[in-house]
C-alpha atoms as a PDB file:
ATOM      1  CA  LEU A   1     -70.679 227.055 140.012  1.00  0.00           C
ATOM      2  CA  LEU A   2     -74.085 225.502 140.626  1.00  0.00           C
ATOM      3  CA  ALA A   3     -75.751 228.108 138.390  1.00  0.00           C
ATOM      4  CA  ALA A   4     -73.147 227.448 135.676  1.00  0.00           C
ATOM      5  CA  LEU A   5     -73.722 223.672 135.889  1.00  0.00           C
ATOM      6  CA  ILE A   6     -77.478 224.133 135.609  1.00  0.00           C
ATOM      7  CA  ALA A   7     -77.036 226.452 132.603  1.00  0.00           C
ATOM      8  CA  VAL A   8     -74.662 223.986 130.916  1.00  0.00           C
ATOM      9  CA  TYR A   9     -77.129 221.152 131.528  1.00  0.00           C
ATOM     10  CA  PHE A  10     -80.036 222.966 129.882  1.00  0.00           C
ATOM     11  CA  ILE A  11     -77.911 224.209 126.987  1.00  0.00           C
ATOM     12  CA  SER A  12     -76.514 220.707 126.408  1.00  0.00           C
ATOM     13  CA  GLU A  13     -79.975 219.196 126.626  1.00  0.00           C
ATOM     14  CA  ARG A  14     -81.228 221.682 124.045  1.00  0.00           C
ATOM     15  CA  VAL A  15     -78.481 220.610 121.643  1.00  0.00           C
ATOM     16  CA  ILE A  16     -78.489 216.895 122.405  1.00  0.00           C
ATOM     17  CA  ALA A  17     -82.299 216.359 122.406  1.00  0.00           C
ATOM     18  CA  PRO A  18     -82.713 216.984 118.632  1.00  0.00           C
ATOM     19  CA  LEU A  19     -79.680 214.779 117.939  1.00  0.00           C
ATOM     20  CA  ARG A  20     -81.261 212.067 120.055  1.00  0.00           C
ATOM     21  CA  GLU A  21     -84.480 212.397 118.034  1.00  0.00           C
ATOM     22  CA  ILE A  22     -82.524 212.133 114.759  1.00  0.00           C
ATOM     23  CA  SER A  23     -80.705 209.062 116.070  1.00  0.00           C
ATOM     24  CA  SER A  24     -84.006 207.442 117.072  1.00  0.00           C
ATOM     25  CA  ALA A  25     -85.529 208.239 113.672  1.00  0.00           C
ATOM     26  CA  ALA A  26     -82.472 206.779 111.901  1.00  0.00           C
ATOM     27  CA  LYS A  27     -82.895 203.517 113.831  1.00  0.00           C
ATOM     28  CA  LYS A  28     -86.561 203.362 112.770  1.00  0.00           C
ATOM     29  CA  PHE A  29     -85.445 203.996 109.192  1.00  0.00           C
ATOM     30  CA  ALA A  30     -83.056 201.061 109.467  1.00  0.00           C
ATOM     31  CA  SER A  31     -86.013 198.845 110.413  1.00  0.00           C
ATOM     32  CA  GLY A  32     -87.948 199.932 107.305  1.00  0.00           C
ATOM     33  CA  LYS A  33     -90.229 202.654 108.752  1.00  0.00           C
ATOM     34  CA  PHE A  34     -89.802 205.401 106.146  1.00  0.00           C
ATOM     35  CA  ASP A  35     -92.670 207.599 107.359  1.00  0.00           C
ATOM     36  CA  VAL A  36     -90.741 208.884 110.406  1.00  0.00           C
ATOM     37  CA  ARG A  37     -89.963 212.627 110.522  1.00  0.00           C
ATOM     38  CA  VAL A  38     -87.921 214.767 112.929  1.00  0.00           C
ATOM     39  CA  PRO A  39     -89.326 218.032 114.423  1.00  0.00           C
ATOM     40  CA  VAL A  40     -87.441 221.107 113.172  1.00  0.00           C
ATOM     41  CA  ARG A  41     -86.945 223.737 115.893  1.00  0.00           C
ATOM     42  CA  GLY A  42     -85.154 227.038 115.338  1.00  0.00           C
ATOM     43  CA  SER A  43     -82.721 227.910 112.565  1.00  0.00           C
ATOM     44  CA  ASP A  44     -79.333 226.771 113.844  1.00  0.00           C
ATOM     45  CA  GLU A  45     -77.088 223.988 112.466  1.00  0.00           C
ATOM     46  CA  VAL A  46     -78.987 221.256 114.323  1.00  0.00           C
ATOM     47  CA  ALA A  47     -82.295 222.475 112.866  1.00  0.00           C
ATOM     48  CA  GLU A  48     -80.693 222.467 109.407  1.00  0.00           C
ATOM     49  CA  LEU A  49     -79.522 218.900 110.021  1.00  0.00           C
ATOM     50  CA  ALA A  50     -83.079 217.893 111.017  1.00  0.00           C
ATOM     51  CA  ALA A  51     -84.513 219.530 107.878  1.00  0.00           C
ATOM     52  CA  THR A  52     -81.938 217.723 105.722  1.00  0.00           C
ATOM     53  CA  PHE A  53     -82.815 214.439 107.422  1.00  0.00           C
ATOM     54  CA  ASN A  54     -86.519 215.012 106.669  1.00  0.00           C
ATOM     55  CA  ASN A  55     -85.745 215.753 103.007  1.00  0.00           C
ATOM     56  CA  MET A  56     -83.781 212.518 102.809  1.00  0.00           C
ATOM     57  CA  ALA A  57     -86.683 210.703 104.463  1.00  0.00           C
ATOM     58  CA  GLU A  58     -89.140 212.111 101.879  1.00  0.00           C
ATOM     59  CA  SER A  59     -86.902 210.929  99.025  1.00  0.00           C
ATOM     60  CA  LEU A  60     -86.484 207.448 100.487  1.00  0.00           C
ATOM     61  CA  ASP A  61     -90.204 207.149 101.207  1.00  0.00           C
ATOM     62  CA  HIS A  62     -91.009 208.200  97.627  1.00  0.00           C
ATOM     63  CA  TYR A  63     -88.419 205.776  96.230  1.00  0.00           C
ATOM     64  CA  ASP A  64     -89.817 202.963  98.373  1.00  0.00           C
ATOM     65  CA  ASP A  65     -93.352 203.646  97.090  1.00  0.00           C
ATOM     66  CA  MET A  66     -92.111 203.528  93.488  1.00  0.00           C
ATOM     67  CA  ARG A  67     -90.168 200.336  94.172  1.00  0.00           C
ATOM     68  CA  ASN A  68     -93.271 198.665  95.625  1.00  0.00           C
ATOM     69  CA  SER A  69     -95.319 199.833  92.652  1.00  0.00           C
ATOM     70  CA  PHE A  70     -92.629 198.493  90.314  1.00  0.00           C
ATOM     71  CA  MET A  71     -92.646 195.078  92.004  1.00  0.00           C
ATOM     72  CA  SER A  72     -96.426 194.981  91.699  1.00  0.00           C
ATOM     73  CA  ASN A  73     -96.203 195.887  87.985  1.00  0.00           C
ATOM     74  CA  VAL A  74     -93.520 193.281  87.293  1.00  0.00           C
ATOM     75  CA  SER A  75     -95.500 190.598  89.133  1.00  0.00           C
ATOM     76  CA  HIS A  76     -98.557 191.445  87.049  1.00  0.00           C
ATOM     77  CA  ASP A  77     -96.569 191.575  83.798  1.00  0.00           C
ATOM     78  CA  LEU A  78     -95.025 188.176  84.495  1.00  0.00           C
ATOM     79  CA  ARG A  79     -98.143 186.435  85.772  1.00  0.00           C
ATOM     80  CA  SER A  80    -100.586 187.663  83.114  1.00  0.00           C
ATOM     81  CA  PRO A  81     -98.790 186.364  79.971  1.00  0.00           C
ATOM     82  CA  MET A  82     -97.736 183.151  81.705  1.00  0.00           C
ATOM     83  CA  THR A  83    -101.371 182.467  82.608  1.00  0.00           C
ATOM     84  CA  SER A  84    -102.455 183.129  79.005  1.00  0.00           C
ATOM     85  CA  ILE A  85     -99.682 180.945  77.546  1.00  0.00           C
ATOM     86  CA  SER A  86    -100.449 178.086  79.919  1.00  0.00           C
ATOM     87  CA  GLY A  87    -104.190 178.303  79.301  1.00  0.00           C
ATOM     88  CA  PHE A  88    -103.991 178.375  75.490  1.00  0.00           C
ATOM     89  CA  ILE A  89    -101.410 175.579  75.257  1.00  0.00           C
ATOM     90  CA  ASP A  90    -103.410 173.379  77.650  1.00  0.00           C
ATOM     91  CA  GLY A  91    -106.522 174.123  75.574  1.00  0.00           C
ATOM     92  CA  ILE A  92    -104.766 172.981  72.394  1.00  0.00           C
ATOM     93  CA  LEU A  93    -103.323 169.833  74.004  1.00  0.00           C
ATOM     94  CA  ASP A  94    -106.633 168.887  75.649  1.00  0.00           C
ATOM     95  CA  GLY A  95    -108.583 169.407  72.427  1.00  0.00           C
ATOM     96  CA  VAL A  96    -110.757 172.173  73.919  1.00  0.00           C
ATOM     97  CA  ILE A  97    -109.578 174.554  71.188  1.00  0.00           C
ATOM     98  CA  PRO A  98    -110.551 173.182  67.733  1.00  0.00           C
ATOM     99  CA  PRO A  99    -107.744 172.596  65.176  1.00  0.00           C
ATOM    100  CA  GLU A 100    -108.920 175.389  62.868  1.00  0.00           C
ATOM    101  CA  GLN A 101    -108.249 177.925  65.677  1.00  0.00           C
ATOM    102  CA  HIS A 102    -104.792 176.607  66.608  1.00  0.00           C
ATOM    103  CA  THR A 103    -102.957 179.100  64.388  1.00  0.00           C
ATOM    104  CA  TYR A 104    -104.783 182.064  65.919  1.00  0.00           C
ATOM    105  CA  TYR A 105    -104.081 181.040  69.507  1.00  0.00           C
ATOM    106  CA  LEU A 106    -100.468 180.102  68.750  1.00  0.00           C
ATOM    107  CA  GLN A 107    -100.009 183.647  67.410  1.00  0.00           C
ATOM    108  CA  VAL A 108    -101.385 184.963  70.713  1.00  0.00           C
ATOM    109  CA  VAL A 109     -98.950 182.708  72.602  1.00  0.00           C
ATOM    110  CA  SER A 110     -96.075 183.979  70.416  1.00  0.00           C
ATOM    111  CA  SER A 111     -97.055 187.587  71.171  1.00  0.00           C
ATOM    112  CA  GLU A 112     -97.152 186.903  74.923  1.00  0.00           C
ATOM    113  CA  ILE A 113     -93.721 185.212  74.815  1.00  0.00           C
ATOM    114  CA  LYS A 114     -92.272 188.265  73.061  1.00  0.00           C
ATOM    115  CA  ARG A 115     -93.838 190.443  75.743  1.00  0.00           C
ATOM    116  CA  LEU A 116     -92.147 188.338  78.442  1.00  0.00           C
ATOM    117  CA  SER A 117     -88.861 188.540  76.553  1.00  0.00           C
ATOM    118  CA  ARG A 118     -89.036 192.368  76.456  1.00  0.00           C
ATOM    119  CA  LEU A 119     -89.644 192.516  80.194  1.00  0.00           C
ATOM    120  CA  VAL A 120     -86.795 190.122  80.998  1.00  0.00           C
ATOM    121  CA  ASN A 121     -84.429 192.067  78.712  1.00  0.00           C
ATOM    122  CA  SER A 122     -85.371 195.326  80.470  1.00  0.00           C
ATOM    123  CA  LEU A 123     -84.711 193.763  83.875  1.00  0.00           C
ATOM    124  CA  LEU A 124     -81.339 192.430  82.665  1.00  0.00           C
ATOM    125  CA  ASP A 125     -80.459 195.865  81.293  1.00  0.00           C
ATOM    126  CA  LEU A 126     -81.342 197.465  84.615  1.00  0.00           C
ATOM    127  CA  SER A 127     -79.239 194.909  86.474  1.00  0.00           C
ATOM    128  CA  ARG A 128     -76.219 195.517  84.223  1.00  0.00           C
ATOM    129  CA  ILE A 129     -76.566 199.294  84.524  1.00  0.00           C
ATOM    130  CA  GLN A 130     -76.736 199.154  88.318  1.00  0.00           C
ATOM    131  CA  ALA A 131     -73.683 196.865  88.417  1.00  0.00           C
ATOM    132  CA  GLY A 132     -71.745 199.160  86.066  1.00  0.00           C
ATOM    133  CA  GLU A 133     -71.305 196.327  83.537  1.00  0.00           C
ATOM    134  CA  ARG A 134     -72.930 198.096  80.576  1.00  0.00           C
ATOM    135  CA  LYS A 135     -70.100 199.431  78.403  1.00  0.00           C
ATOM    136  CA  PHE A 136     -70.515 201.870  75.502  1.00  0.00           C
ATOM    137  CA  THR A 137     -68.153 202.094  72.503  1.00  0.00           C
ATOM    138  CA  PRO A 138     -68.433 205.406  70.609  1.00  0.00           C
ATOM    139  CA  MET A 139     -68.110 205.160  66.835  1.00  0.00           C
ATOM    140  CA  PRO A 140     -69.392 207.171  63.839  1.00  0.00           C
ATOM    141  CA  PHE A 141     -72.822 206.215  62.491  1.00  0.00           C
ATOM    142  CA  ASP A 142     -75.619 207.843  60.496  1.00  0.00           C
ATOM    143  CA  VAL A 143     -78.435 208.927  62.844  1.00  0.00           C
ATOM    144  CA  CYS A 144     -80.785 209.613  59.918  1.00  0.00           C
ATOM    145  CA  GLU A 145     -80.424 206.079  58.600  1.00  0.00           C
ATOM    146  CA  THR A 146     -80.960 204.622  62.082  1.00  0.00           C
ATOM    147  CA  SER A 147     -84.121 206.729  62.455  1.00  0.00           C
ATOM    148  CA  ARG A 148     -85.422 205.556  59.058  1.00  0.00           C
ATOM    149  CA  GLN A 149     -84.852 201.906  59.944  1.00  0.00           C
ATOM    150  CA  ILE A 150     -86.713 202.266  63.251  1.00  0.00           C
ATOM    151  CA  LEU A 151     -89.601 204.104  61.594  1.00  0.00           C
ATOM    152  CA  ILE A 152     -89.927 201.317  58.992  1.00  0.00           C
ATOM    153  CA  SER A 153     -89.957 198.685  61.767  1.00  0.00           C
ATOM    154  CA  PHE A 154     -93.102 200.342  63.206  1.00  0.00           C
ATOM    155  CA  GLU A 155     -94.955 200.303  59.872  1.00  0.00           C
ATOM    156  CA  GLN A 156     -97.600 197.772  60.936  1.00  0.00           C
ATOM    157  CA  LYS A 157     -98.366 199.516  64.222  1.00  0.00           C
ATOM    158  CA  ILE A 158     -98.493 202.897  62.477  1.00  0.00           C
ATOM    159  CA  ASP A 159    -100.928 201.550  59.850  1.00  0.00           C
ATOM    160  CA  ALA A 160    -103.062 199.930  62.551  1.00  0.00           C
ATOM    161  CA  LYS A 161    -103.582 203.321  64.227  1.00  0.00           C
ATOM    162  CA  ARG A 162    -103.740 205.192  60.885  1.00  0.00           C
ATOM    163  CA  LEU A 163    -101.092 207.657  62.031  1.00  0.00           C
ATOM    164  CA  GLU A 164     -99.878 210.526  59.895  1.00  0.00           C
ATOM    165  CA  VAL A 165     -96.063 210.310  59.723  1.00  0.00           C
ATOM    166  CA  GLU A 166     -93.523 213.090  59.264  1.00  0.00           C
ATOM    167  CA  PHE A 167     -89.785 212.487  58.954  1.00  0.00           C
ATOM    168  CA  GLU A 168     -87.438 215.472  58.915  1.00  0.00           C
ATOM    169  CA  CYS A 169     -83.661 215.243  58.610  1.00  0.00           C
ATOM    170  CA  GLU A 170     -81.709 218.482  58.289  1.00  0.00           C
ATOM    171  CA  GLU A 171     -79.113 216.823  56.034  1.00  0.00           C
ATOM    172  CA  GLU A 172     -79.059 213.648  53.934  1.00  0.00           C
ATOM    173  CA  ARG A 173     -76.499 212.053  56.268  1.00  0.00           C
ATOM    174  CA  MET A 174     -75.834 213.172  59.842  1.00  0.00           C
ATOM    175  CA  ILE A 175     -72.945 211.366  61.503  1.00  0.00           C
ATOM    176  CA  ALA A 176     -73.022 211.011  65.288  1.00  0.00           C
ATOM    177  CA  LEU A 177     -70.234 209.808  67.545  1.00  0.00           C
ATOM    178  CA  ALA A 178     -71.800 207.434  70.080  1.00  0.00           C
ATOM    179  CA  ASP A 179     -72.514 203.759  70.702  1.00  0.00           C
ATOM    180  CA  PRO A 180     -74.812 202.805  67.768  1.00  0.00           C
ATOM    181  CA  ASP A 181     -76.606 199.870  69.425  1.00  0.00           C
ATOM    182  CA  SER A 182     -77.463 201.793  72.584  1.00  0.00           C
ATOM    183  CA  ILE A 183     -78.718 204.843  70.624  1.00  0.00           C
ATOM    184  CA  TYR A 184     -80.847 202.480  68.532  1.00  0.00           C
ATOM    185  CA  GLN A 185     -82.307 201.137  71.786  1.00  0.00           C
ATOM    186  CA  VAL A 186     -83.076 204.657  73.067  1.00  0.00           C
ATOM    187  CA  LEU A 187     -84.704 205.784  69.831  1.00  0.00           C
ATOM    188  CA  TYR A 188     -86.678 202.525  69.572  1.00  0.00           C
ATOM    189  CA  ASN A 189     -87.999 203.020  73.128  1.00  0.00           C
ATOM    190  CA  LEU A 190     -89.067 206.600  72.382  1.00  0.00           C
ATOM    191  CA  CYS A 191     -90.766 205.609  69.100  1.00  0.00           C
ATOM    192  CA  ASP A 192     -92.490 202.658  70.764  1.00  0.00           C
ATOM    193  CA  ASN A 193     -93.935 204.966  73.434  1.00  0.00           C
ATOM    194  CA  ALA A 194     -94.922 207.569  70.830  1.00  0.00           C
ATOM    195  CA  VAL A 195     -96.840 205.033  68.703  1.00  0.00           C
ATOM    196  CA  LYS A 196     -98.358 203.369  71.751  1.00  0.00           C
ATOM    197  CA  PHE A 197     -99.756 206.584  73.223  1.00  0.00           C
ATOM    198  CA  ALA A 198    -100.558 208.421  69.969  1.00  0.00           C
ATOM    199  CA  SER A 199    -104.210 209.184  69.349  1.00  0.00           C
ATOM    200  CA  GLU A 200    -105.970 207.335  66.531  1.00  0.00           C
ATOM    201  CA  GLY A 201    -105.196 209.113  63.253  1.00  0.00           C
ATOM    202  CA  GLY A 202    -102.827 211.533  65.005  1.00  0.00           C
ATOM    203  CA  LEU A 203     -99.414 212.813  63.993  1.00  0.00           C
ATOM    204  CA  LEU A 204     -96.143 210.971  64.596  1.00  0.00           C
ATOM    205  CA  ALA A 205     -92.970 212.879  63.748  1.00  0.00           C
ATOM    206  CA  ILE A 206     -89.219 212.226  63.967  1.00  0.00           C
ATOM    207  CA  ARG A 207     -86.955 215.261  63.562  1.00  0.00           C
ATOM    208  CA  VAL A 208     -83.156 215.084  63.313  1.00  0.00           C
ATOM    209  CA  LYS A 209     -81.177 218.326  63.283  1.00  0.00           C
ATOM    210  CA  ARG A 210     -77.976 220.039  64.339  1.00  0.00           C
ATOM    211  CA  ALA A 211     -77.782 221.343  67.908  1.00  0.00           C
ATOM    212  CA  LYS A 212     -75.454 223.625  69.851  1.00  0.00           C
ATOM    213  CA  GLY A 213     -72.044 222.416  70.946  1.00  0.00           C
ATOM    214  CA  LYS A 214     -71.364 220.124  67.967  1.00  0.00           C
ATOM    215  CA  LYS A 215     -74.277 217.866  68.800  1.00  0.00           C
ATOM    216  CA  ILE A 216     -77.125 216.225  66.922  1.00  0.00           C
ATOM    217  CA  SER A 217     -80.623 216.283  68.392  1.00  0.00           C
ATOM    218  CA  VAL A 218     -83.362 213.742  67.694  1.00  0.00           C
ATOM    219  CA  GLU A 219     -86.966 214.471  68.643  1.00  0.00           C
ATOM    220  CA  VAL A 220     -89.923 212.076  68.621  1.00  0.00           C
ATOM    221  CA  PHE A 221     -93.298 213.855  68.623  1.00  0.00           C
ATOM    222  CA  ASN A 222     -96.799 212.430  68.846  1.00  0.00           C
ATOM    223  CA  GLU A 223    -100.307 213.806  69.151  1.00  0.00           C
ATOM    224  CA  GLY A 224    -102.199 212.241  72.018  1.00  0.00           C
ATOM    225  CA  GLN A 225    -103.022 212.556  75.692  1.00  0.00           C
ATOM    226  CA  GLY A 226     -99.523 213.716  76.597  1.00  0.00           C
ATOM    227  CA  ILE A 227     -98.083 213.735  80.101  1.00  0.00           C
ATOM    228  CA  ALA A 228     -99.663 215.408  83.120  1.00  0.00           C
ATOM    229  CA  PRO A 229     -97.662 218.358  84.563  1.00  0.00           C
ATOM    230  CA  SER A 230     -97.269 216.454  87.849  1.00  0.00           C
ATOM    231  CA  ASP A 231     -95.558 213.586  85.996  1.00  0.00           C
ATOM    232  CA  ILE A 232     -93.151 215.564  83.800  1.00  0.00           C
ATOM    233  CA  ASN A 233     -90.325 215.653  86.364  1.00  0.00           C
ATOM    234  CA  LEU A 234     -90.745 211.962  87.207  1.00  0.00           C
ATOM    235  CA  VAL A 235     -90.896 210.172  83.844  1.00  0.00           C
ATOM    236  CA  PHE A 236     -87.157 209.392  83.765  1.00  0.00           C
ATOM    237  CA  GLU A 237     -87.035 208.053  87.320  1.00  0.00           C
ATOM    238  CA  ARG A 238     -86.371 204.387  87.953  1.00  0.00           C
ATOM    239  CA  PHE A 239     -89.540 202.282  88.504  1.00  0.00           C
ATOM    240  CA  TYR A 240     -91.819 205.222  87.657  1.00  0.00           C
ATOM    241  CA  LYS A 241     -94.910 204.466  85.601  1.00  0.00           C
ATOM    242  CA  SER A 242     -97.409 207.250  84.975  1.00  0.00           C
ATOM    243  CA  ASP A 243    -100.258 204.956  83.851  1.00  0.00           C
ATOM    244  CA  LYS A 244    -100.894 203.457  87.289  1.00  0.00           C
ATOM    245  CA  SER A 245    -104.365 202.305  86.261  1.00  0.00           C
ATOM    246  CA  ARG A 246    -102.782 200.123  83.527  1.00  0.00           C
ATOM    247  CA  GLY A 247    -105.503 201.434  81.247  1.00  0.00           C
ATOM    248  CA  LEU A 248    -103.236 202.481  78.366  1.00  0.00           C
ATOM    249  CA  ASN A 249     -99.947 200.650  78.698  1.00  0.00           C
ATOM    250  CA  LYS A 250    -100.024 196.988  79.638  1.00  0.00           C
ATOM    251  CA  ASN A 251     -96.672 196.128  78.083  1.00  0.00           C
ATOM    252  CA  GLY A 252     -94.143 198.015  80.196  1.00  0.00           C
ATOM    253  CA  ALA A 253     -92.786 198.041  83.707  1.00  0.00           C
ATOM    254  CA  GLY A 254     -91.617 201.647  83.919  1.00  0.00           C
ATOM    255  CA  LEU A 255     -87.978 200.939  82.974  1.00  0.00           C
ATOM    256  CA  GLY A 256     -87.620 202.057  79.349  1.00  0.00           C
ATOM    257  CA  LEU A 257     -87.220 205.780  79.958  1.00  0.00           C
ATOM    258  CA  PHE A 258     -84.922 205.295  82.956  1.00  0.00           C
ATOM    259  CA  ILE A 259     -82.677 203.003  80.884  1.00  0.00           C
ATOM    260  CA  SER A 260     -82.766 205.498  77.997  1.00  0.00           C
ATOM    261  CA  LYS A 261     -81.718 208.363  80.259  1.00  0.00           C
ATOM    262  CA  THR A 262     -78.918 206.270  81.757  1.00  0.00           C
ATOM    263  CA  ILE A 263     -77.614 205.423  78.270  1.00  0.00           C
ATOM    264  CA  ILE A 264     -77.667 209.064  77.128  1.00  0.00           C
ATOM    265  CA  ASP A 265     -76.107 210.368  80.367  1.00  0.00           C
ATOM    266  CA  ALA A 266     -73.308 207.788  80.139  1.00  0.00           C
ATOM    267  CA  GLN A 267     -72.371 209.208  76.717  1.00  0.00           C
ATOM    268  CA  ASN A 268     -72.385 212.855  77.859  1.00  0.00           C
ATOM    269  CA  GLY A 269     -75.648 213.569  76.080  1.00  0.00           C
ATOM    270  CA  GLU A 270     -78.913 215.196  77.108  1.00  0.00           C
ATOM    271  CA  ILE A 271     -82.462 213.863  77.153  1.00  0.00           C
ATOM    272  CA  TRP A 272     -85.662 215.805  77.770  1.00  0.00           C
ATOM    273  CA  VAL A 273     -89.434 215.775  77.460  1.00  0.00           C
ATOM    274  CA  GLU A 274     -91.991 218.462  76.624  1.00  0.00           C
ATOM    275  CA  SER A 275     -95.722 217.948  76.701  1.00  0.00           C
ATOM    276  CA  GLU A 276     -98.940 219.887  76.284  1.00  0.00           C
ATOM    277  CA  TYR A 277    -101.292 217.778  78.372  1.00  0.00           C
ATOM    278  CA  GLY A 278    -104.276 216.516  76.412  1.00  0.00           C
ATOM    279  CA  LYS A 279    -102.695 217.460  73.060  1.00  0.00           C
ATOM    280  CA  ASN A 280     -99.186 216.180  72.397  1.00  0.00           C
ATOM    281  CA  CYS A 281     -95.842 214.989  73.729  1.00  0.00           C
ATOM    282  CA  CYS A 282     -92.256 215.268  72.507  1.00  0.00           C
ATOM    283  CA  PHE A 283     -89.225 213.327  73.755  1.00  0.00           C
ATOM    284  CA  GLY A 284     -85.784 214.324  72.535  1.00  0.00           C
ATOM    285  CA  PHE A 285     -82.102 213.658  73.075  1.00  0.00           C
ATOM    286  CA  ALA A 286     -78.831 215.178  71.913  1.00  0.00           C
ATOM    287  CA  ILE A 287     -75.562 213.302  71.306  1.00  0.00           C
ATOM    288  CA  ALA A 288     -72.133 214.303  70.012  1.00  0.00           C
ATOM    289  CA  SER A 289     -71.577 214.654  66.274  1.00  0.00           C
ATOM    290  CA  GLU A 290     -68.456 213.499  64.483  1.00  0.00           C
END
């Protein structure tokens, strides 16, 4: 009986000890310490539980890093234009900026206000998506015409970078069945990124064609730096921003692609990215056709 009790004690301790470690790690997680990991011993169910816990910990730690980076980006994106707006307006009111330069600096102020407006709209979109308040109403609309309108809206930016433009539509009219406003938003985001990151004098292309399963695919291609292989699987994640140095993109907070993916997923579509790093990048999505 004594031998049996001793054996039961050691066997129980072997099972309970890892569970105690997982419990302790979970409490540390609750206090915000996401770098805690549990030792994995053996290959039984408890070891599998420990490995699963560690995988969850890695995901949460990664998400927390992205969230902190996002907050830093948003703080910068809010503070920078507000500082510029305040400084230029004070300069005009105080007479430091001469009257003949008022128009120029008011145009800068207008540009910064629009930049703030885009950021606030993205944050509101994110809030509505997370709360489940964003509703989509499918209806027939011409994807080719929508693509043409968006391409025309980027005319000034395209001319400024001297981009070569290609527009390909498989048919004169291609009718999709989706929420028109939200698809416009997705395509605008993809075109905005393509123009922004295209190389000077490079190629910008929009291609609309039929896809499998009674769907229509839209691809936005640009020649430029592209996306690093390590970033490909992360570009659609919430808060993710590949240009951490802020050297190329100073106008975004890492929300556009996440919002675009959420919109496409909510309408049973697909969205993807392909890139040859250092050469080109292509974002595409597929939605139902009428």
